[in-house]
Protein backbone atom coordinates (compact mmCIF):
# COMPACT_ATOMS: atom_id res chain seq x y z
CA MET A 1 -37.91 77.35 38.71
CA LYS A 2 -36.62 73.85 39.48
CA LYS A 3 -36.67 74.46 43.11
CA LEU A 4 -40.26 75.47 43.03
CA PHE A 5 -41.14 72.36 41.14
CA ILE A 6 -39.35 70.21 43.67
CA PHE A 7 -41.28 71.94 46.47
CA ILE A 8 -44.49 71.28 44.62
CA SER A 9 -43.60 67.61 44.18
CA LEU A 10 -43.59 67.08 47.90
CA ILE A 11 -47.44 67.48 47.99
CA THR A 12 -48.28 65.79 44.74
CA ILE A 13 -50.91 63.26 43.75
CA SER A 14 -50.25 59.90 42.21
CA PHE A 15 -50.42 58.54 38.66
CA LEU A 16 -53.68 57.12 37.60
CA GLN A 17 -53.64 53.30 37.98
CA ALA A 18 -54.62 52.09 34.53
CA GLN A 19 -55.85 49.01 32.68
CA GLN A 20 -54.86 49.08 29.03
CA GLN A 21 -55.70 46.86 26.24
CA LYS A 22 -52.70 45.69 24.12
CA ASP A 23 -52.40 48.15 21.20
CA SER A 24 -49.70 48.44 18.72
CA VAL A 25 -50.12 51.98 17.45
CA LYS A 26 -51.88 53.15 20.70
CA THR A 27 -54.35 55.35 19.00
CA GLU A 28 -57.59 53.55 19.86
CA VAL A 29 -59.86 53.35 22.68
CA VAL A 30 -58.65 50.93 25.52
CA ASN A 31 -61.62 49.10 26.69
CA VAL A 32 -61.90 48.22 30.48
CA THR A 33 -63.81 45.01 30.71
CA HIS A 34 -62.85 44.31 34.23
CA SER A 35 -63.99 46.41 37.16
CA PHE A 36 -61.50 48.02 39.41
CA ASN A 37 -62.60 49.22 42.84
CA PRO A 38 -59.59 50.35 44.72
CA THR A 39 -59.40 52.41 47.91
CA VAL A 40 -56.80 55.04 48.23
CA GLN A 41 -54.89 52.76 50.56
CA ASP A 42 -54.06 50.68 47.49
CA ALA A 43 -51.61 53.37 46.24
CA TYR A 44 -49.42 52.13 49.05
CA LYS A 45 -48.95 49.00 47.01
CA LEU A 46 -47.68 50.92 44.14
CA ALA A 47 -44.84 49.07 42.30
CA VAL A 48 -41.34 50.28 42.89
CA ASN A 49 -39.83 49.14 39.69
CA PRO A 50 -38.46 51.71 37.41
CA ASP A 51 -40.66 53.94 35.50
CA SER A 52 -40.72 53.86 31.74
CA ILE A 53 -37.80 55.47 30.15
CA HIS A 54 -39.98 56.83 27.26
CA VAL A 55 -41.38 59.88 28.87
CA ILE A 56 -40.85 61.85 25.65
CA GLU A 57 -44.06 62.43 23.65
CA LYS A 58 -47.34 61.78 25.15
CA LYS A 59 -49.59 60.34 27.64
CA ILE A 60 -50.74 56.84 26.31
CA PRO A 61 -54.61 56.94 25.90
CA VAL A 62 -55.87 54.75 28.57
CA ARG A 63 -59.08 54.18 30.55
CA PHE A 64 -59.18 54.48 34.28
CA LYS A 65 -61.70 53.08 36.54
CA ILE A 66 -61.94 54.59 40.10
CA GLN A 67 -64.54 53.11 42.32
CA SER A 68 -66.26 51.70 39.18
CA VAL A 69 -66.57 55.09 37.76
CA PRO A 70 -64.89 55.76 34.24
CA VAL A 71 -62.41 58.46 33.63
CA ALA A 72 -61.08 59.36 30.19
CA SER A 73 -57.55 60.37 29.22
CA THR A 74 -57.15 61.55 25.74
CA PHE A 75 -53.60 62.79 25.10
CA MET A 76 -52.36 61.42 21.96
CA PRO A 77 -50.40 62.80 18.90
CA GLU A 78 -52.01 62.32 15.53
CA LYS A 79 -51.44 63.87 12.14
CA GLY A 80 -52.71 67.53 12.79
CA SER A 81 -54.80 66.23 15.57
CA MET A 82 -53.25 64.94 18.76
CA LYS A 83 -56.20 65.51 20.88
CA LYS A 84 -58.93 62.82 20.34
CA ILE A 85 -61.86 61.84 22.23
CA HIS A 86 -62.13 58.67 24.27
CA PHE A 87 -64.54 57.08 26.50
CA SER A 88 -64.82 54.74 29.39
CA PRO A 89 -67.91 52.48 29.38
CA ASP A 90 -69.31 52.18 32.92
CA ILE A 91 -68.99 48.42 33.22
CA SER A 92 -69.74 47.09 36.64
CA ASN A 93 -68.97 43.46 35.95
CA ASN A 94 -66.88 41.25 33.69
CA ASN A 95 -69.65 40.13 31.50
CA ALA A 96 -70.98 43.47 30.30
CA SER A 97 -71.34 44.33 26.71
CA TYR A 98 -71.84 47.83 25.26
CA VAL A 99 -72.20 50.00 22.10
CA GLN A 100 -71.09 53.49 22.04
CA LEU A 101 -71.85 56.16 19.45
CA GLY A 102 -70.51 59.77 19.42
CA ALA A 103 -69.97 62.86 17.22
CA GLY A 104 -68.52 66.31 17.45
CA ASN A 105 -66.84 69.13 15.80
CA TYR A 106 -63.96 68.40 13.35
CA THR A 107 -66.54 65.90 12.15
CA HIS A 108 -65.36 63.56 14.79
CA ILE A 109 -67.09 60.16 14.47
CA LEU A 110 -66.84 57.43 17.18
CA PHE A 111 -68.01 53.90 17.09
CA ASP A 112 -67.01 51.56 19.84
CA SER A 113 -68.47 48.14 20.75
CA TYR A 114 -67.56 45.21 22.97
CA VAL A 115 -69.79 42.12 22.92
CA TYR A 116 -69.06 39.30 25.61
CA TYR A 117 -70.74 36.06 25.04
CA PRO A 118 -70.36 32.95 27.49
CA VAL A 119 -69.94 29.91 25.19
CA THR A 120 -69.93 27.49 28.10
CA GLU A 121 -69.36 27.71 31.87
CA LYS A 122 -65.49 27.54 31.22
CA LEU A 123 -65.21 29.20 27.72
CA SER A 124 -66.04 32.73 26.92
CA ALA A 125 -65.59 34.85 23.88
CA GLY A 126 -65.54 38.73 23.14
CA VAL A 127 -65.40 40.86 20.09
CA ASN A 128 -64.34 44.52 20.08
CA ILE A 129 -64.81 46.81 17.09
CA ASN A 130 -63.67 50.39 17.21
CA HIS A 131 -63.57 53.31 14.80
CA PHE A 132 -62.55 56.85 15.42
CA SER A 133 -62.10 59.48 12.63
CA SER A 134 -61.79 63.29 12.07
CA GLN A 135 -62.22 65.22 8.93
CA GLY A 136 -60.06 67.96 10.37
CA THR A 137 -60.31 71.38 8.99
CA LYS A 138 -58.91 73.47 6.23
CA ASN A 139 -58.76 76.70 8.32
CA ASP A 140 -55.80 75.45 10.35
CA THR A 141 -52.44 74.45 8.79
CA LEU A 142 -51.86 70.71 8.76
CA ILE A 143 -55.02 69.78 10.54
CA ASN A 144 -55.96 66.89 8.45
CA PRO A 145 -58.33 63.82 8.16
CA TYR A 146 -57.43 60.65 9.77
CA HIS A 147 -59.05 57.46 10.74
CA ASN A 148 -58.32 54.53 13.21
CA ASN A 149 -59.88 51.11 12.92
CA LYS A 150 -59.39 48.23 15.20
CA ALA A 151 -61.02 44.79 15.63
CA ASP A 152 -60.18 42.17 18.20
CA ILE A 153 -61.41 38.59 18.91
CA LEU A 154 -60.81 37.50 22.43
CA LEU A 155 -61.25 33.88 23.77
CA ASN A 156 -60.81 32.87 27.34
CA TYR A 157 -60.86 29.37 28.97
CA LYS A 158 -60.80 29.03 32.75
CA ASN A 159 -61.02 26.14 35.18
CA GLU A 160 -60.05 25.65 38.96
CA LYS A 161 -56.38 25.25 38.10
CA SER A 162 -55.54 27.17 35.01
CA GLN A 163 -56.57 29.85 32.58
CA PHE A 164 -55.84 30.46 29.00
CA GLY A 165 -56.41 33.48 26.80
CA LEU A 166 -56.25 34.11 23.03
CA ASP A 167 -56.24 37.58 21.22
CA ILE A 168 -56.40 38.05 17.52
CA GLY A 169 -56.57 41.59 16.21
CA TYR A 170 -56.14 43.92 13.27
CA THR A 171 -55.44 47.64 13.39
CA ASN A 172 -55.34 50.26 10.56
CA VAL A 173 -54.19 53.85 10.96
CA LYS A 174 -54.47 56.29 8.00
CA HIS A 175 -53.72 59.97 7.70
CA LYS A 176 -54.28 62.13 4.64
CA LEU A 177 -52.72 65.56 4.00
CA ASN A 178 -55.12 68.17 2.60
CA LYS A 179 -53.74 70.79 0.28
CA SER A 180 -51.98 73.31 2.62
CA PRO A 181 -49.25 75.59 1.36
CA ILE A 182 -46.80 76.34 4.13
CA ILE A 183 -43.30 77.50 4.64
CA ILE A 184 -40.81 75.90 7.03
CA ASN A 185 -38.81 78.71 8.52
CA ASP A 186 -36.29 76.75 10.54
CA PRO A 187 -33.23 78.14 12.29
CA ILE A 188 -31.06 75.38 10.82
CA TYR A 189 -32.39 74.86 7.33
CA ASP A 190 -33.08 77.57 4.74
CA PRO A 191 -36.75 78.49 4.33
CA ILE A 192 -38.58 75.72 2.37
CA TYR A 193 -41.91 76.24 0.53
CA LEU A 194 -43.78 73.08 0.71
CA GLY A 195 -46.31 73.87 -1.90
CA ASP A 196 -49.63 72.20 -2.41
CA TYR A 197 -50.07 68.47 -1.87
CA ASP A 198 -52.76 66.04 -1.43
CA ILE A 199 -51.24 62.65 -0.57
CA ASP A 200 -51.68 59.84 1.94
CA TYR A 201 -49.23 60.41 4.66
CA ALA A 202 -49.56 57.11 6.41
CA ASN A 203 -51.44 53.92 5.93
CA ASN A 204 -50.12 51.46 8.61
CA ASN A 205 -51.55 48.01 9.30
CA ILE A 206 -50.76 45.71 12.26
CA PHE A 207 -51.98 42.15 12.73
CA ASN A 208 -51.67 40.78 16.20
CA PHE A 209 -51.81 37.40 17.63
CA GLY A 210 -51.39 36.61 21.39
CA VAL A 211 -51.76 33.65 23.74
CA ASN A 212 -51.24 33.53 27.53
CA GLY A 213 -51.73 31.09 30.36
CA ASN A 214 -51.93 31.20 34.27
CA PHE A 215 -51.51 28.07 36.39
CA ASN A 216 -52.38 27.77 40.16
CA ASP A 217 -50.72 24.52 41.08
CA LEU A 218 -47.63 24.31 38.82
CA PHE A 219 -44.20 25.64 39.14
CA ILE A 220 -44.73 27.41 35.81
CA LYS A 221 -46.94 30.18 36.99
CA ASP A 222 -47.63 31.95 33.60
CA PHE A 223 -46.61 32.36 30.08
CA LYS A 224 -47.17 34.94 27.40
CA ILE A 225 -46.44 34.95 23.66
CA ASN A 226 -47.24 37.71 21.37
CA PHE A 227 -46.67 38.24 17.66
CA GLN A 228 -47.18 41.41 15.79
CA ASN A 229 -46.78 41.96 11.83
CA PHE A 230 -46.51 45.46 10.56
CA TRP A 231 -46.80 46.69 6.95
CA ASP A 232 -47.41 50.04 5.32
CA LYS A 233 -48.17 51.53 1.89
CA ASP A 234 -44.47 51.84 1.18
CA ASN A 235 -43.88 48.17 1.46
CA ASP A 236 -41.95 48.59 4.74
CA TYR A 237 -42.66 45.69 7.02
CA GLU A 238 -41.68 44.31 10.57
CA ASN A 239 -42.27 41.10 12.49
CA LYS A 240 -42.05 41.23 16.38
CA LEU A 241 -42.26 38.17 18.51
CA ASN A 242 -42.05 38.18 22.39
CA PHE A 243 -42.07 35.34 24.84
CA ASN A 244 -42.34 35.58 28.66
CA SER A 245 -42.62 32.93 31.39
CA THR A 246 -42.29 32.68 35.13
CA LEU A 247 -41.19 29.61 37.22
CA THR A 248 -41.70 29.83 41.01
CA PHE A 249 -40.61 27.44 43.76
CA PRO A 250 -42.08 28.78 47.17
CA ILE A 251 -40.67 27.63 50.39
CA GLY A 252 -42.40 29.50 53.36
CA ASN A 253 -41.45 33.16 53.16
CA VAL A 254 -38.93 32.41 50.54
CA SER A 255 -39.39 31.80 46.80
CA ILE A 256 -36.85 31.00 44.17
CA ASN A 257 -38.00 32.27 40.76
CA THR A 258 -36.85 31.93 37.25
CA GLY A 259 -38.01 34.19 34.36
CA LEU A 260 -37.68 33.24 30.72
CA ARG A 261 -37.78 35.91 27.98
CA GLY A 262 -37.21 35.99 24.35
CA ASP A 263 -37.48 38.92 21.75
CA LEU A 264 -37.19 38.71 18.01
CA VAL A 265 -37.45 41.83 15.87
CA THR A 266 -37.04 41.49 11.98
CA GLY A 267 -37.92 43.98 9.34
CA LYS A 268 -37.17 45.89 6.23
CA SER A 269 -36.96 49.66 5.32
CA SER A 270 -37.73 50.51 1.65
CA LEU A 271 -36.65 54.18 1.48
CA ILE A 272 -33.09 53.20 2.46
CA PRO A 273 -33.02 49.43 1.76
CA ILE A 274 -32.02 47.89 5.11
CA ASN A 275 -32.97 44.62 6.58
CA TYR A 276 -32.58 44.19 10.24
CA ASN A 277 -32.69 40.97 12.51
CA ASN A 278 -32.34 41.42 16.29
CA PHE A 279 -32.67 38.65 18.73
CA ASP A 280 -32.25 38.19 22.55
CA ALA A 281 -32.99 35.43 24.91
CA GLY A 282 -32.65 35.65 28.60
CA VAL A 283 -32.81 33.83 32.05
CA LEU A 284 -33.83 35.85 34.99
CA PRO A 285 -33.17 33.98 38.27
CA SER A 286 -34.13 35.62 41.54
CA PHE A 287 -34.37 34.85 45.23
CA VAL A 288 -37.28 36.67 47.04
CA TYR A 289 -37.88 36.86 50.86
CA ASP A 290 -40.99 38.47 52.07
CA ASN A 291 -42.59 39.17 55.39
CA GLU A 292 -44.75 41.95 56.91
CA ASN A 293 -41.80 44.25 57.70
CA PHE A 294 -39.22 43.54 55.06
CA ASN A 295 -38.97 42.03 51.67
CA ILE A 296 -35.97 41.71 49.35
CA LYS A 297 -35.43 40.48 45.82
CA LEU A 298 -31.85 39.43 44.78
CA GLY A 299 -31.64 38.56 41.13
CA ALA A 300 -29.90 38.88 37.94
CA LYS A 301 -30.77 39.14 34.14
CA ILE A 302 -28.59 37.13 31.84
CA PHE A 303 -29.16 37.44 28.16
CA TYR A 304 -27.68 36.21 24.82
CA GLN A 305 -27.99 39.06 22.35
CA ASN A 306 -27.65 38.45 18.66
CA PHE A 307 -27.30 41.95 16.91
CA LYS A 308 -25.57 42.80 13.59
CA ASP A 309 -22.87 44.78 15.43
CA TYR A 310 -22.17 42.23 17.96
CA LYS A 311 -22.97 38.77 19.50
CA LYS A 312 -22.48 38.44 23.12
CA VAL A 313 -23.74 37.64 26.52
CA GLN A 314 -25.15 40.57 28.62
CA PHE A 315 -25.39 40.54 32.48
CA PHE A 316 -27.70 42.97 34.39
CA PRO A 317 -28.46 43.23 38.23
CA ASP A 318 -32.05 42.91 39.41
CA VAL A 319 -32.25 43.90 43.10
CA LEU A 320 -35.04 45.44 44.97
CA ALA A 321 -35.57 45.84 48.74
CA ASN A 322 -38.40 47.41 50.92
CA LEU A 323 -38.42 47.96 54.52
CA ASN A 324 -41.49 48.96 56.65
CA ILE A 325 -40.61 51.62 59.19
CA VAL A 326 -44.23 52.08 60.28
CA TYR A 327 -46.51 49.36 58.81
CA GLU A 328 -48.51 50.94 55.97
CA LYS A 329 -47.43 54.36 57.08
CA LEU A 330 -43.85 54.65 56.10
CA SER A 331 -41.59 52.41 54.07
CA ILE A 332 -38.31 52.81 52.33
CA TYR A 333 -37.27 51.09 49.27
CA GLY A 334 -34.49 50.98 46.86
CA GLY A 335 -33.07 48.90 44.02
CA LEU A 336 -30.46 48.21 41.34
CA ASN A 337 -31.60 47.12 37.90
CA GLY A 338 -30.52 46.79 34.25
CA ASP A 339 -32.37 45.49 31.05
CA ILE A 340 -32.56 45.07 27.25
CA PHE A 341 -35.34 46.87 25.44
CA PRO A 342 -35.91 45.27 22.06
CA SER A 343 -36.78 48.43 20.19
CA SER A 344 -39.11 48.08 17.14
CA PHE A 345 -40.56 50.42 14.54
CA ILE A 346 -44.09 49.37 15.80
CA GLU A 347 -43.20 50.75 19.19
CA LEU A 348 -41.46 53.92 17.83
CA SER A 349 -44.12 54.77 15.49
CA SER A 350 -46.80 54.28 18.25
CA ARG A 351 -45.21 57.19 20.15
CA ASN A 352 -44.44 59.35 17.12
CA PRO A 353 -47.06 58.48 14.29
CA TYR A 354 -45.21 60.98 11.91
CA MET A 355 -42.24 58.71 11.56
CA LYS A 356 -40.91 56.71 8.65
CA GLN A 357 -38.27 54.01 8.60
CA PHE A 358 -34.96 55.33 7.23
CA GLY A 359 -32.62 52.67 8.61
CA GLY A 360 -32.26 49.70 10.85
CA ILE A 361 -33.60 49.32 14.36
CA LYS A 362 -31.15 48.97 17.25
CA PRO A 363 -31.99 47.29 20.60
CA GLU A 364 -31.69 49.74 23.53
CA LEU A 365 -29.47 48.71 26.62
CA MET A 366 -29.94 50.06 30.19
CA PRO A 367 -26.63 48.84 31.79
CA ILE A 368 -27.53 50.19 35.17
CA GLU A 369 -30.34 52.04 37.00
CA ILE A 370 -30.23 52.93 40.66
CA PHE A 371 -33.38 54.12 42.48
CA GLY A 372 -34.83 54.55 45.90
CA GLY A 373 -37.47 56.41 47.87
CA ILE A 374 -40.25 56.31 50.44
CA LYS A 375 -43.85 55.45 50.21
CA GLY A 376 -46.88 54.90 52.57
CA SER A 377 -50.08 56.38 53.75
CA PHE A 378 -51.30 58.80 56.34
CA SER A 379 -54.77 57.20 56.31
CA SER A 380 -57.05 55.02 54.24
CA SER A 381 -57.72 58.21 52.29
CA PHE A 382 -54.22 59.50 51.62
CA ALA A 383 -51.38 57.63 50.15
CA TYR A 384 -48.09 58.85 48.75
CA ARG A 385 -44.79 57.90 47.01
CA LEU A 386 -41.43 59.70 46.51
CA LYS A 387 -38.79 58.35 44.26
CA MET A 388 -35.48 59.43 42.75
CA GLY A 389 -33.03 57.70 40.53
CA PHE A 390 -30.33 57.60 37.85
CA ARG A 391 -30.21 55.45 34.76
CA GLN A 392 -27.67 54.99 31.96
CA LEU A 393 -28.85 54.10 28.45
CA LYS A 394 -27.16 52.97 25.36
CA ASN A 395 -28.64 53.09 21.79
CA HIS A 396 -31.58 55.17 23.06
CA PRO A 397 -33.73 56.29 20.20
CA PHE A 398 -34.12 59.99 19.57
CA TYR A 399 -36.57 61.36 17.18
CA TYR A 400 -35.25 63.82 14.54
CA GLY A 401 -37.15 65.70 11.94
CA ILE A 402 -36.21 65.57 8.25
CA PRO A 403 -37.18 68.68 6.18
CA PHE A 404 -38.40 67.14 3.00
CA TYR A 405 -41.25 68.55 1.17
CA ASN A 406 -43.39 66.86 3.97
CA LEU A 407 -41.57 66.98 7.24
CA ILE A 408 -41.19 63.48 8.53
CA TYR A 409 -39.29 61.97 11.40
CA THR A 410 -36.75 59.21 11.79
CA ALA A 411 -34.88 57.81 14.83
CA PHE A 412 -31.19 58.04 15.38
CA TYR A 413 -29.48 56.31 18.30
CA GLY A 414 -27.18 57.76 21.06
CA ASN A 415 -26.29 57.41 24.73
CA LEU A 416 -28.26 59.16 27.40
CA LYS A 417 -27.73 59.67 31.16
CA GLN A 418 -30.90 60.41 33.01
CA SER A 419 -31.63 61.49 36.65
CA TYR A 420 -35.22 61.76 37.76
CA PHE A 421 -37.35 62.64 40.72
CA SER A 422 -41.00 61.84 41.04
CA SER A 423 -43.68 62.29 43.68
CA GLU A 424 -47.20 60.84 43.74
CA VAL A 425 -50.04 61.28 46.03
CA ASN A 426 -53.59 59.85 45.94
CA VAL A 427 -56.44 61.50 48.00
CA GLY A 428 -59.87 60.21 48.32
CA ILE A 429 -62.74 62.10 49.99
CA GLY A 430 -65.55 59.71 50.86
CA LYS A 431 -67.15 58.08 47.79
CA LYS A 432 -67.73 61.39 46.05
CA LEU A 433 -64.28 62.73 45.12
CA ASP A 434 -60.84 61.40 44.24
CA PHE A 435 -57.91 63.88 43.50
CA LYS A 436 -54.62 62.69 42.11
CA PHE A 437 -51.48 64.48 41.13
CA ASN A 438 -48.03 63.54 39.88
CA PHE A 439 -44.99 65.59 39.29
CA THR A 440 -41.82 64.23 37.67
CA TYR A 441 -38.60 66.11 37.01
CA TYR A 442 -35.92 64.90 34.57
CA GLN A 443 -32.32 65.75 34.03
CA ASN A 444 -31.15 64.35 30.61
CA ASN A 445 -27.58 64.48 29.59
CA THR A 446 -26.42 63.42 26.09
CA GLY A 447 -23.30 64.06 24.22
CA HIS A 448 -25.16 64.65 20.84
CA PHE A 449 -26.87 67.94 21.76
CA SER A 450 -27.08 70.51 24.43
CA ARG A 451 -30.58 69.04 25.26
CA ALA A 452 -32.07 65.65 24.54
CA LEU A 453 -34.38 66.00 21.56
CA PHE A 454 -38.17 65.97 22.40
CA MET A 455 -37.64 64.99 26.06
CA PRO A 456 -39.06 67.26 28.71
CA ASP A 457 -37.53 68.52 31.89
CA TYR A 458 -40.71 68.01 33.77
CA THR A 459 -44.23 66.61 33.42
CA ILE A 460 -47.34 67.33 35.66
CA LYS A 461 -50.40 65.17 35.56
CA SER A 462 -53.49 65.54 37.78
CA MET A 463 -57.07 64.23 37.74
CA ILE A 464 -60.27 65.10 39.66
CA ASN A 465 -63.06 62.48 39.61
CA PHE A 466 -66.33 63.96 41.16
CA ARG A 467 -69.47 61.95 41.76
CA PRO A 468 -72.18 64.29 43.12
CA THR A 469 -74.95 61.63 42.53
CA GLU A 470 -75.19 57.96 41.51
CA LYS A 471 -76.03 59.03 37.98
CA LEU A 472 -73.82 61.97 37.33
CA THR A 473 -70.03 61.84 37.06
CA PHE A 474 -67.38 64.59 36.21
CA ASN A 475 -63.84 63.68 35.26
CA PHE A 476 -61.38 66.60 34.91
CA THR A 477 -57.78 66.11 33.84
CA VAL A 478 -54.90 68.63 33.54
CA ASP A 479 -51.56 67.72 31.82
CA ASN A 480 -48.55 69.91 31.59
CA LEU A 481 -45.36 69.32 29.68
CA SER A 482 -42.29 71.45 29.67
CA GLU A 483 -40.70 72.85 26.52
CA ARG A 484 -38.77 70.41 24.38
CA THR A 485 -35.79 70.85 22.06
CA TYR A 486 -36.54 69.67 18.54
CA MET A 487 -33.44 70.84 16.58
CA THR A 488 -30.18 71.96 18.21
CA ASN A 489 -31.39 74.92 20.34
CA ALA A 490 -34.70 75.37 18.70
CA THR A 491 -37.58 74.48 21.16
CA LEU A 492 -41.36 73.80 21.25
CA GLY A 493 -43.14 75.75 23.96
CA SER A 494 -44.50 74.12 27.08
CA PHE A 495 -48.27 73.63 27.28
CA THR A 496 -51.19 72.80 29.54
CA ASP A 497 -53.91 70.56 28.33
CA LEU A 498 -57.36 70.48 30.09
CA ASN A 499 -60.04 68.00 29.42
CA LEU A 500 -63.52 67.49 31.02
CA GLU A 501 -65.80 64.60 30.65
CA VAL A 502 -69.42 64.51 31.97
CA ARG A 503 -71.57 61.38 32.11
CA TYR A 504 -75.14 60.91 33.05
CA LYS A 505 -76.65 57.54 33.66
CA ILE A 506 -80.14 57.80 32.12
CA ASN A 507 -81.11 54.29 33.38
CA LYS A 508 -79.39 50.91 33.85
CA ASP A 509 -78.93 50.41 30.06
CA PHE A 510 -78.24 53.99 28.63
CA THR A 511 -75.61 56.55 29.62
CA ALA A 512 -75.17 59.86 27.80
CA PHE A 513 -71.83 61.69 27.74
CA ILE A 514 -70.45 65.13 26.81
CA LEU A 515 -66.58 65.46 26.39
CA GLY A 516 -64.56 68.64 26.06
CA ASN A 517 -60.86 68.29 25.09
CA ASN A 518 -58.18 71.00 24.87
CA LEU A 519 -60.42 73.41 26.73
CA LEU A 520 -57.83 76.14 26.53
CA ASN A 521 -58.31 76.15 22.75
CA LYS A 522 -54.55 76.07 22.09
CA SER A 523 -52.91 74.65 18.92
CA TYR A 524 -49.79 73.47 20.76
CA GLN A 525 -47.29 71.05 19.33
CA ILE A 526 -45.91 67.85 20.59
CA TYR A 527 -43.78 67.50 17.36
CA TYR A 528 -42.62 70.30 15.37
CA LEU A 529 -45.04 71.32 12.56
CA TYR A 530 -47.90 69.22 13.68
CA PRO A 531 -50.32 71.34 15.85
CA VAL A 532 -53.11 69.62 17.59
CA GLU A 533 -56.78 70.18 16.96
CA LYS A 534 -58.07 73.11 19.11
CA LEU A 535 -61.33 72.98 21.33
CA GLN A 536 -63.01 69.64 20.75
CA ILE A 537 -66.63 69.00 21.81
CA GLN A 538 -68.24 65.61 21.38
CA ALA A 539 -71.48 64.09 22.58
CA GLY A 540 -72.83 60.62 22.43
CA VAL A 541 -74.70 57.74 24.15
CA MET A 542 -73.79 54.33 25.25
CA TYR A 543 -76.07 51.36 25.53
CA LYS A 544 -74.98 48.51 27.90
CA PHE A 545 -76.32 44.98 27.81
CA ASP A 546 -75.45 41.54 29.10
CA LEU A 547 -75.83 38.46 26.94
CA SER A 548 -74.80 36.17 29.74
CA LYS A 549 -78.30 36.53 31.21
CA ASN A 550 -80.11 35.49 28.11
């Protein structure tokens, strides 16, 4: 079977290139407010930095823009309803505003709006308000009501030499369990009758404040500061502060760069009273040489880490090289990398919303990652990339289910050695059709279990974007995830998830849409005991307007 997947991977199609709005719990719509008009040739420029190590649970809900046509991706775990409906307003310029309304079965209700207003020639403002909710159904076990609310205020100031941005937002995610008597018949634990209950499972709140800047004529090229404050109904809380900046000194084809980074995560768990306070600060110097045929980055990452178990200086390599064998047709690349990942409950619960805090948070270390591969294009309509690598991880968070009266998840930490192989291809046929496909195979080795919990052996993702006319668009996505171990040798089955979005542009202002999710009508599980909603159909309309013209 593994050989078959490796063979399939040699002809696969690439990950969708995405633009995603910062979202702490990642259960809301990501609004594309900047148009993206790539050719398939742009896939040749895919970054060769390491993929995310968190390939465990879900495809992050993002909006894709291919030749200014929206594509929706909707794979998200929720309490009893992982599959939710998301939309991609067809915005053809940076100043577009819109309002979207939609409704469907499971009593899905969507309200999504973005309003852009140019205050002056240099200052602009935007407001985004989003609501998505489902009443679930009492016919399916643990398919229960939830709602997600999000509001953001965005300010942007831009002149010839610099640009500054400000983002202030609030997010609320709430799940409610209906009365659903069920029995857990787990191979490890004795059968447990959960009984009838009617409680709030989660009521999480996040306040976000971010500021960033970019400079054209200074050695300081950019900076970004982001602060998040999390609290829930059980009086758990967490504060997360991150700072990044880049200093660049260019000399011809050579540039000397210095990155600055700081991370602070503090919080408290109420169920098991624990306070945690993790801090790291780093300097990331690098030497970069770049020309048409060869580019290389020689760098390092030097961190001071203050964690309750130790206080010490950490050193990681940061090396990347790329050689053009045949310009834009074939390149080989490779690298050596390491890093610190400042884990947080905000991040962990965004990937697994059924999680509660039962202990402190540990920062994750990647002492070493080695990777390499080939990339290029056969024509302006066909681009590809193959990559393989190995990474070693310490304090990697694994999700683990706790069989209380209501099964909830926590995180425990262990070491992980992961080998991976991925292949990406991007094919475009004229202006009518885009077809993309990605296959990634993982070999996970951990000393705690025979298989790493909730981590797949492979993932397959594909997309077809078909535009038969200027007014009509079809977006079809397929996602396949292998089986995953959830307790010792107990596994969740593999599944295939199919989604179809149809959009019809009535006129320049109004667009109608119909979206079908989970077309195979399967109640599969990403996490044990939390099935997704089955076939979902939703319809609605979007109104687009432009206040900058008034």
